[in-house]
Amino acid sequence: MQDAKIIETIRNKYIVILADLDERASRRWAAAEAIALGHGGITAVSSVIGASDRND
């Protein structure tokens, strides 16, 4: 799932909206993006935003 084009697309989208996101909104965006990507989405999104891929 983690091909470079997908990672770059996620990164570009995140950069555009980052200034408008607090912690909660950032996590909600990440969850929505991961769900939209399907299998491997959690790993891909968490690698871009630097968040844990675990729900601890």
C-alpha atoms as a PDB file:
ATOM      1  CA  MET A   1       0.000   0.000   0.000  1.00  0.00           C
ATOM      2  CA  GLN A   2       2.760   2.445   0.848  1.00  0.00           C
ATOM      3  CA  ASP A   3       3.901   3.430  -2.583  1.00  0.00           C
ATOM      4  CA  ALA A   4       5.628   6.780  -2.866  1.00  0.00           C
ATOM      5  CA  LYS A   5       2.829   8.445  -4.829  1.00  0.00           C
ATOM      6  CA  ILE A   6       0.207   7.647  -2.175  1.00  0.00           C
ATOM      7  CA  ILE A   7       2.481   8.859   0.614  1.00  0.00           C
ATOM      8  CA  GLU A   8       3.238  12.076  -1.250  1.00  0.00           C
ATOM      9  CA  THR A   9      -0.478  12.680  -1.913  1.00  0.00           C
ATOM     10  CA  ILE A  10      -1.326  12.212   1.766  1.00  0.00           C
ATOM     11  CA  ARG A  11       1.552  14.505   2.788  1.00  0.00           C
ATOM     12  CA  ASN A  12       0.429  17.247   0.372  1.00  0.00           C
ATOM     13  CA  LYS A  13      -3.163  17.093   1.617  1.00  0.00           C
ATOM     14  CA  TYR A  14      -2.011  17.208   5.241  1.00  0.00           C
ATOM     15  CA  ILE A  15       0.258  20.213   4.646  1.00  0.00           C
ATOM     16  CA  VAL A  16      -2.617  22.166   3.104  1.00  0.00           C
ATOM     17  CA  ILE A  17      -4.935  21.719   6.097  1.00  0.00           C
ATOM     18  CA  LEU A  18      -2.436  21.436   8.960  1.00  0.00           C
ATOM     19  CA  ALA A  19      -2.683  25.066  10.087  1.00  0.00           C
ATOM     20  CA  ASP A  20      -6.435  24.658  10.650  1.00  0.00           C
ATOM     21  CA  LEU A  21      -6.231  21.472  12.714  1.00  0.00           C
ATOM     22  CA  ASP A  22      -5.963  21.050  16.455  1.00  0.00           C
ATOM     23  CA  GLU A  23      -4.949  17.650  17.894  1.00  0.00           C
ATOM     24  CA  ARG A  24      -8.461  16.224  17.815  1.00  0.00           C
ATOM     25  CA  ALA A  25      -9.193  17.415  14.287  1.00  0.00           C
ATOM     26  CA  SER A  26      -5.833  16.110  13.087  1.00  0.00           C
ATOM     27  CA  ARG A  27      -6.615  12.644  14.433  1.00  0.00           C
ATOM     28  CA  ARG A  28     -10.101  12.691  12.915  1.00  0.00           C
ATOM     29  CA  TRP A  29      -8.704  13.703   9.531  1.00  0.00           C
ATOM     30  CA  ALA A  30      -6.084  10.956   9.791  1.00  0.00           C
ATOM     31  CA  ALA A  31      -8.749   8.370  10.622  1.00  0.00           C
ATOM     32  CA  ALA A  32     -10.950   9.430   7.715  1.00  0.00           C
ATOM     33  CA  GLU A  33      -7.987   9.355   5.333  1.00  0.00           C
ATOM     34  CA  ALA A  34      -6.895   5.914   6.554  1.00  0.00           C
ATOM     35  CA  ILE A  35     -10.409   4.512   6.136  1.00  0.00           C
ATOM     36  CA  ALA A  36     -10.626   5.938   2.614  1.00  0.00           C
ATOM     37  CA  LEU A  37      -7.321   4.278   1.678  1.00  0.00           C
ATOM     38  CA  GLY A  38      -8.423   0.869   2.890  1.00  0.00           C
ATOM     39  CA  HIS A  39      -5.914  -1.883   3.658  1.00  0.00           C
ATOM     40  CA  GLY A  40      -2.630  -0.336   4.773  1.00  0.00           C
ATOM     41  CA  GLY A  41      -4.175   3.101   5.213  1.00  0.00           C
ATOM     42  CA  ILE A  42      -3.424   3.388   8.919  1.00  0.00           C
ATOM     43  CA  THR A  43       0.263   2.683   8.380  1.00  0.00           C
ATOM     44  CA  ALA A  44       0.475   5.066   5.431  1.00  0.00           C
ATOM     45  CA  VAL A  45      -1.232   7.962   7.196  1.00  0.00           C
ATOM     46  CA  SER A  46       0.596   7.504  10.487  1.00  0.00           C
ATOM     47  CA  SER A  47       3.939   7.499   8.685  1.00  0.00           C
ATOM     48  CA  VAL A  48       3.103  10.851   7.111  1.00  0.00           C
ATOM     49  CA  ILE A  49       1.794  12.661  10.188  1.00  0.00           C
ATOM     50  CA  GLY A  50       4.101  11.053  12.713  1.00  0.00           C
ATOM     51  CA  ALA A  51       1.296   9.659  14.864  1.00  0.00           C
ATOM     52  CA  SER A  52       1.224   6.232  16.421  1.00  0.00           C
ATOM     53  CA  ASP A  53      -0.616   3.567  14.464  1.00  0.00           C
ATOM     54  CA  ARG A  54      -1.732   2.032  17.772  1.00  0.00           C
ATOM     55  CA  ASN A  55      -4.763   2.899  19.840  1.00  0.00           C
ATOM     56  CA  ASP A  56      -3.034   2.842  23.247  1.00  0.00           C
END
